[in-house]
């Protein structure tokens, strides 16, 4: 029995107490986990969008939060902001190549969600 208890003790000692291996990815995961970030990216997966299109497409999204999320996604290099001087002046948002690289992963999550809803 002593061998069994030492094996169990060894197993407990090597188990991580927190997800330390995720620390390296924390900034990216936190960005994608921010409220409305994925919904904004899903809209941009379909096509470039103007400011008001996000508000119409994503119920519950406020202007202030949308501005903050678009700024964060832009600073992270996922979303590009294009200003057409007009007249009238229009601002369009689109995915950058880094944002576009998320396409298969986001589409995979959406397919998973759709499959779960059909249960």
N, C-alpha and C. Protein backbone atom coordinates (compact mmCIF):
# COMPACT_ATOMS: atom_id res chain seq x y z
N UNK A 1 0.82 -1.20 0.00
CA UNK A 1 0.00 0.00 0.00
C UNK A 1 0.85 1.25 0.00
N UNK A 2 2.04 1.18 0.57
CA UNK A 2 2.91 2.35 0.62
C UNK A 2 3.24 2.84 -0.77
N UNK A 3 3.41 1.93 -1.72
CA UNK A 3 3.73 2.33 -3.10
C UNK A 3 2.56 3.08 -3.71
N UNK A 4 1.33 2.61 -3.41
CA UNK A 4 0.16 3.27 -3.96
C UNK A 4 0.01 4.69 -3.43
N UNK A 5 0.22 4.89 -2.14
CA UNK A 5 0.06 6.22 -1.57
C UNK A 5 1.15 7.17 -2.06
N UNK A 6 2.39 6.67 -2.27
CA UNK A 6 3.44 7.55 -2.77
C UNK A 6 3.18 7.94 -4.22
N UNK A 7 2.60 7.03 -4.99
CA UNK A 7 2.25 7.34 -6.38
C UNK A 7 1.16 8.41 -6.40
N UNK A 8 0.18 8.27 -5.54
CA UNK A 8 -0.89 9.26 -5.46
C UNK A 8 -0.34 10.61 -5.03
N UNK A 9 0.57 10.61 -4.07
CA UNK A 9 1.17 11.85 -3.61
C UNK A 9 1.96 12.51 -4.73
N UNK A 10 2.72 11.72 -5.48
CA UNK A 10 3.50 12.27 -6.59
C UNK A 10 2.59 12.90 -7.63
N UNK A 11 1.46 12.26 -7.90
CA UNK A 11 0.52 12.78 -8.89
C UNK A 11 -0.04 14.13 -8.44
N UNK A 12 -0.34 14.24 -7.16
CA UNK A 12 -0.88 15.48 -6.62
C UNK A 12 0.16 16.59 -6.70
N UNK A 13 1.41 16.25 -6.44
CA UNK A 13 2.46 17.26 -6.43
C UNK A 13 2.73 17.87 -7.80
N UNK A 14 2.53 17.11 -8.89
CA UNK A 14 2.83 17.63 -10.22
C UNK A 14 1.64 18.31 -10.87
N UNK A 15 0.46 18.18 -10.30
CA UNK A 15 -0.71 18.84 -10.87
C UNK A 15 -0.60 20.35 -10.66
N UNK A 16 -0.81 21.13 -11.72
CA UNK A 16 -0.73 22.58 -11.56
C UNK A 16 -1.89 23.10 -10.72
N UNK A 17 -1.62 24.10 -9.94
CA UNK A 17 -2.66 24.68 -9.11
C UNK A 17 -3.41 25.78 -9.86
N UNK A 18 -2.82 26.26 -10.96
CA UNK A 18 -3.50 27.24 -11.81
C UNK A 18 -3.06 27.01 -13.24
N UNK A 19 -3.72 27.61 -14.14
CA UNK A 19 -3.42 27.40 -15.55
C UNK A 19 -2.28 28.30 -16.00
N UNK A 20 -1.10 28.04 -15.46
CA UNK A 20 0.07 28.87 -15.75
C UNK A 20 0.43 28.88 -17.22
N UNK A 21 0.19 27.78 -17.91
CA UNK A 21 0.55 27.72 -19.32
C UNK A 21 -0.27 28.71 -20.16
N UNK A 22 -1.39 29.18 -19.64
CA UNK A 22 -2.21 30.16 -20.36
C UNK A 22 -1.74 31.59 -20.16
N UNK A 23 -0.85 31.82 -19.20
CA UNK A 23 -0.38 33.18 -18.92
C UNK A 23 0.19 33.85 -20.16
N UNK A 24 0.86 33.11 -21.00
CA UNK A 24 1.47 33.68 -22.20
C UNK A 24 0.41 34.21 -23.17
N UNK A 25 -0.79 33.64 -23.10
CA UNK A 25 -1.86 34.02 -24.02
C UNK A 25 -2.90 34.94 -23.38
N UNK A 26 -2.69 35.31 -22.15
CA UNK A 26 -3.69 36.06 -21.39
C UNK A 26 -4.15 37.34 -22.10
N UNK A 27 -3.28 38.18 -22.63
CA UNK A 27 -3.77 39.42 -23.27
C UNK A 27 -4.70 39.15 -24.45
N UNK A 28 -4.37 38.17 -25.28
CA UNK A 28 -5.21 37.86 -26.43
C UNK A 28 -6.55 37.26 -25.99
N UNK A 29 -6.49 36.36 -25.03
CA UNK A 29 -7.73 35.75 -24.55
C UNK A 29 -8.61 36.78 -23.87
N UNK A 30 -8.02 37.69 -23.10
CA UNK A 30 -8.81 38.73 -22.45
C UNK A 30 -9.46 39.65 -23.48
N UNK A 31 -8.74 39.98 -24.55
CA UNK A 31 -9.31 40.83 -25.60
C UNK A 31 -10.51 40.16 -26.24
N UNK A 32 -10.37 38.90 -26.62
CA UNK A 32 -11.47 38.20 -27.28
C UNK A 32 -12.61 37.91 -26.32
N UNK A 33 -12.32 37.91 -25.02
CA UNK A 33 -13.35 37.65 -24.02
C UNK A 33 -14.12 38.92 -23.62
N UNK A 34 -13.65 40.07 -24.05
CA UNK A 34 -14.33 41.33 -23.70
C UNK A 34 -15.73 41.34 -24.30
N UNK A 35 -16.67 41.93 -23.59
CA UNK A 35 -18.06 41.96 -24.05
C UNK A 35 -18.15 42.59 -25.43
N UNK A 36 -18.85 41.94 -26.32
CA UNK A 36 -19.14 42.35 -27.70
C UNK A 36 -17.98 42.18 -28.68
N UNK A 37 -16.79 41.82 -28.23
CA UNK A 37 -15.64 41.71 -29.15
C UNK A 37 -15.90 40.66 -30.22
N UNK A 38 -16.33 39.48 -29.82
CA UNK A 38 -16.57 38.43 -30.81
C UNK A 38 -17.73 38.79 -31.74
N UNK A 39 -18.77 39.42 -31.20
CA UNK A 39 -19.88 39.80 -32.06
C UNK A 39 -19.43 40.81 -33.11
N UNK A 40 -18.59 41.75 -32.73
CA UNK A 40 -18.06 42.73 -33.68
C UNK A 40 -17.23 42.02 -34.74
N UNK A 41 -16.40 41.08 -34.34
CA UNK A 41 -15.60 40.33 -35.30
C UNK A 41 -16.47 39.50 -36.23
N UNK A 42 -17.55 38.93 -35.71
CA UNK A 42 -18.47 38.15 -36.55
C UNK A 42 -19.09 39.03 -37.62
N UNK A 43 -19.49 40.24 -37.26
CA UNK A 43 -20.04 41.17 -38.26
C UNK A 43 -18.99 41.45 -39.34
N UNK A 44 -17.75 41.67 -38.92
CA UNK A 44 -16.69 42.00 -39.87
C UNK A 44 -16.26 40.79 -40.70
N UNK A 45 -16.54 39.59 -40.25
CA UNK A 45 -16.28 38.41 -41.06
C UNK A 45 -17.18 38.39 -42.29
N UNK A 46 -18.35 39.01 -42.17
CA UNK A 46 -19.29 39.04 -43.28
C UNK A 46 -18.92 40.08 -44.32
N UNK A 47 -18.47 41.25 -43.82
CA UNK A 47 -18.13 42.36 -44.73
C UNK A 47 -17.63 43.54 -43.90
N UNK A 48 -16.93 44.49 -44.52
CA UNK A 48 -16.61 45.73 -43.80
C UNK A 48 -17.91 46.41 -43.36
N UNK A 49 -17.86 47.13 -42.27
CA UNK A 49 -19.08 47.73 -41.72
C UNK A 49 -18.81 49.14 -41.23
N UNK A 50 -19.87 49.93 -41.29
CA UNK A 50 -19.83 51.29 -40.73
C UNK A 50 -20.31 51.23 -39.29
N UNK A 51 -20.04 52.32 -38.59
CA UNK A 51 -20.37 52.45 -37.17
C UNK A 51 -21.82 52.06 -36.90
N UNK A 52 -22.75 52.66 -37.64
CA UNK A 52 -24.18 52.43 -37.38
C UNK A 52 -24.60 51.00 -37.68
N UNK A 53 -23.90 50.33 -38.58
CA UNK A 53 -24.25 48.95 -38.88
C UNK A 53 -24.04 48.04 -37.67
N UNK A 54 -23.00 48.31 -36.90
CA UNK A 54 -22.78 47.51 -35.70
C UNK A 54 -23.93 47.69 -34.72
N UNK A 55 -24.37 48.92 -34.56
CA UNK A 55 -25.45 49.21 -33.61
C UNK A 55 -26.75 48.55 -34.05
N UNK A 56 -27.00 48.51 -35.35
CA UNK A 56 -28.22 47.88 -35.86
C UNK A 56 -28.13 46.36 -35.79
N UNK A 57 -26.95 45.82 -35.99
CA UNK A 57 -26.76 44.38 -36.10
C UNK A 57 -26.62 43.69 -34.74
N UNK A 58 -26.08 44.38 -33.77
CA UNK A 58 -25.80 43.76 -32.46
C UNK A 58 -26.70 44.41 -31.41
N UNK A 59 -27.85 43.78 -31.10
CA UNK A 59 -28.76 44.35 -30.11
C UNK A 59 -28.08 44.46 -28.73
N UNK A 60 -28.28 45.59 -28.08
CA UNK A 60 -27.74 45.80 -26.75
C UNK A 60 -26.37 46.46 -26.73
N UNK A 61 -25.73 46.59 -27.87
CA UNK A 61 -24.41 47.21 -27.95
C UNK A 61 -24.57 48.73 -27.88
N UNK A 62 -23.92 49.36 -26.90
CA UNK A 62 -24.00 50.82 -26.77
C UNK A 62 -22.89 51.47 -27.59
N UNK A 63 -23.09 52.74 -27.92
CA UNK A 63 -22.08 53.48 -28.69
C UNK A 63 -20.75 53.54 -27.95
N UNK A 64 -20.80 53.84 -26.66
CA UNK A 64 -19.56 53.96 -25.89
C UNK A 64 -18.76 52.67 -25.86
N UNK A 65 -19.44 51.57 -25.62
CA UNK A 65 -18.75 50.28 -25.57
C UNK A 65 -18.23 49.92 -26.95
N UNK A 66 -19.01 50.20 -27.98
CA UNK A 66 -18.56 49.88 -29.33
C UNK A 66 -17.30 50.65 -29.70
N UNK A 67 -17.27 51.93 -29.37
CA UNK A 67 -16.07 52.74 -29.63
C UNK A 67 -14.86 52.14 -28.91
N UNK A 68 -15.06 51.77 -27.66
CA UNK A 68 -13.96 51.19 -26.87
C UNK A 68 -13.48 49.87 -27.48
N UNK A 69 -14.44 48.98 -27.85
CA UNK A 69 -14.06 47.69 -28.42
C UNK A 69 -13.35 47.86 -29.76
N UNK A 70 -13.87 48.73 -30.62
CA UNK A 70 -13.23 48.94 -31.92
C UNK A 70 -11.81 49.49 -31.75
N UNK A 71 -11.64 50.37 -30.77
CA UNK A 71 -10.30 50.91 -30.49
C UNK A 71 -9.38 49.80 -30.03
N UNK A 72 -9.85 48.96 -29.10
CA UNK A 72 -9.03 47.86 -28.59
C UNK A 72 -8.68 46.86 -29.69
N UNK A 73 -9.67 46.51 -30.50
CA UNK A 73 -9.43 45.57 -31.59
C UNK A 73 -8.48 46.16 -32.62
N UNK A 74 -8.58 47.48 -32.82
CA UNK A 74 -7.65 48.16 -33.72
C UNK A 74 -6.24 48.18 -33.18
N UNK A 75 -6.10 48.50 -31.90
CA UNK A 75 -4.78 48.52 -31.27
C UNK A 75 -4.13 47.14 -31.26
N UNK A 76 -4.96 46.10 -31.22
CA UNK A 76 -4.45 44.72 -31.24
C UNK A 76 -4.11 44.27 -32.66
N UNK A 77 -4.43 45.10 -33.63
CA UNK A 77 -4.11 44.76 -35.01
C UNK A 77 -5.10 43.84 -35.69
N UNK A 78 -6.31 43.74 -35.13
CA UNK A 78 -7.33 42.86 -35.72
C UNK A 78 -8.31 43.60 -36.61
N UNK A 79 -8.52 44.88 -36.35
CA UNK A 79 -9.49 45.69 -37.09
C UNK A 79 -8.82 46.95 -37.59
N UNK A 80 -9.13 47.30 -38.85
CA UNK A 80 -8.61 48.53 -39.45
C UNK A 80 -9.75 49.53 -39.58
N UNK A 81 -9.42 50.79 -39.40
CA UNK A 81 -10.39 51.90 -39.50
C UNK A 81 -10.05 52.69 -40.75
N UNK A 82 -11.04 52.86 -41.64
CA UNK A 82 -10.83 53.59 -42.89
C UNK A 82 -11.78 54.79 -42.91
N UNK A 83 -11.23 55.98 -43.05
CA UNK A 83 -12.05 57.19 -43.09
C UNK A 83 -12.08 57.71 -44.52
N UNK A 84 -13.29 57.87 -45.06
CA UNK A 84 -13.48 58.45 -46.39
C UNK A 84 -13.88 59.91 -46.15
N UNK A 85 -13.05 60.86 -46.62
CA UNK A 85 -13.31 62.27 -46.30
C UNK A 85 -14.61 62.81 -46.88
N UNK A 86 -15.25 62.07 -47.77
CA UNK A 86 -16.57 62.47 -48.23
C UNK A 86 -16.58 63.59 -49.23
N UNK A 87 -17.56 64.41 -49.27
CA UNK A 87 -18.67 64.44 -48.31
C UNK A 87 -19.69 63.35 -48.61
N UNK A 88 -20.39 62.90 -47.64
CA UNK A 88 -20.17 63.06 -46.21
C UNK A 88 -19.01 62.18 -45.75
N UNK A 89 -18.42 62.55 -44.64
CA UNK A 89 -17.34 61.76 -44.07
C UNK A 89 -17.93 60.44 -43.56
N UNK A 90 -17.33 59.33 -43.97
CA UNK A 90 -17.79 58.03 -43.49
C UNK A 90 -16.59 57.24 -42.96
N UNK A 91 -16.85 56.44 -41.97
CA UNK A 91 -15.82 55.59 -41.38
C UNK A 91 -16.27 54.15 -41.53
N UNK A 92 -15.40 53.35 -42.09
CA UNK A 92 -15.67 51.93 -42.29
C UNK A 92 -14.61 51.12 -41.56
N UNK A 93 -15.02 50.02 -40.99
CA UNK A 93 -14.12 49.12 -40.28
C UNK A 93 -14.05 47.80 -41.02
N UNK A 94 -12.86 47.22 -41.06
CA UNK A 94 -12.67 45.93 -41.71
C UNK A 94 -11.63 45.13 -40.94
N UNK A 95 -11.56 43.85 -41.26
CA UNK A 95 -10.56 42.99 -40.62
C UNK A 95 -9.21 43.19 -41.28
N UNK A 96 -8.18 43.18 -40.48
CA UNK A 96 -6.81 43.19 -40.98
C UNK A 96 -6.45 41.73 -41.31
N UNK A 97 -5.29 41.49 -41.89
CA UNK A 97 -4.88 40.09 -42.11
C UNK A 97 -4.85 39.27 -40.80
N UNK A 98 -4.42 39.88 -39.70
CA UNK A 98 -4.44 39.16 -38.41
C UNK A 98 -5.87 38.87 -37.97
N UNK A 99 -6.78 39.81 -38.20
CA UNK A 99 -8.18 39.58 -37.88
C UNK A 99 -8.77 38.50 -38.77
N UNK A 100 -8.41 38.54 -40.03
CA UNK A 100 -8.89 37.54 -40.99
C UNK A 100 -8.38 36.14 -40.62
N UNK A 101 -7.22 36.06 -40.01
CA UNK A 101 -6.66 34.77 -39.59
C UNK A 101 -7.52 34.09 -38.53
N UNK A 102 -8.36 34.87 -37.86
CA UNK A 102 -9.28 34.29 -36.87
C UNK A 102 -10.50 33.63 -37.50
N UNK A 103 -10.73 33.90 -38.80
CA UNK A 103 -11.94 33.41 -39.47
C UNK A 103 -12.22 31.92 -39.22
N UNK A 104 -11.29 31.01 -39.52
CA UNK A 104 -11.65 29.60 -39.34
C UNK A 104 -11.97 29.24 -37.89
N UNK A 105 -11.35 29.92 -36.97
CA UNK A 105 -11.58 29.62 -35.55
C UNK A 105 -12.94 30.14 -35.10
N UNK A 106 -13.27 31.35 -35.50
CA UNK A 106 -14.58 31.91 -35.13
C UNK A 106 -15.69 31.14 -35.84
N UNK A 107 -15.49 30.81 -37.11
CA UNK A 107 -16.49 30.02 -37.83
C UNK A 107 -16.67 28.65 -37.18
N UNK A 108 -15.58 28.08 -36.67
CA UNK A 108 -15.68 26.81 -35.96
C UNK A 108 -16.51 26.92 -34.70
N UNK A 109 -16.32 28.00 -33.96
CA UNK A 109 -17.11 28.22 -32.74
C UNK A 109 -18.58 28.43 -33.11
N UNK A 110 -18.84 29.17 -34.19
CA UNK A 110 -20.23 29.39 -34.62
C UNK A 110 -20.88 28.08 -35.07
N UNK A 111 -20.14 27.24 -35.77
CA UNK A 111 -20.68 25.94 -36.19
C UNK A 111 -20.98 25.07 -34.98
N UNK A 112 -20.07 25.09 -33.99
CA UNK A 112 -20.29 24.34 -32.76
C UNK A 112 -21.55 24.84 -32.05
N UNK A 113 -21.72 26.17 -31.97
CA UNK A 113 -22.89 26.75 -31.31
C UNK A 113 -24.18 26.38 -32.04
N UNK A 114 -24.15 26.42 -33.37
CA UNK A 114 -25.33 26.06 -34.16
C UNK A 114 -25.71 24.59 -33.94
N UNK A 115 -24.71 23.74 -33.86
CA UNK A 115 -24.96 22.31 -33.64
C UNK A 115 -25.59 22.09 -32.27
N UNK A 116 -25.10 22.81 -31.27
CA UNK A 116 -25.66 22.67 -29.93
C UNK A 116 -27.11 23.17 -29.87
N UNK A 117 -27.43 24.20 -30.63
CA UNK A 117 -28.79 24.74 -30.60
C UNK A 117 -29.79 23.77 -31.21
N UNK A 118 -29.31 22.91 -32.13
CA UNK A 118 -30.22 21.95 -32.80
C UNK A 118 -30.54 20.76 -31.91
N UNK A 119 -29.87 20.63 -30.78
CA UNK A 119 -30.14 19.48 -29.89
C UNK A 119 -31.52 19.54 -29.30
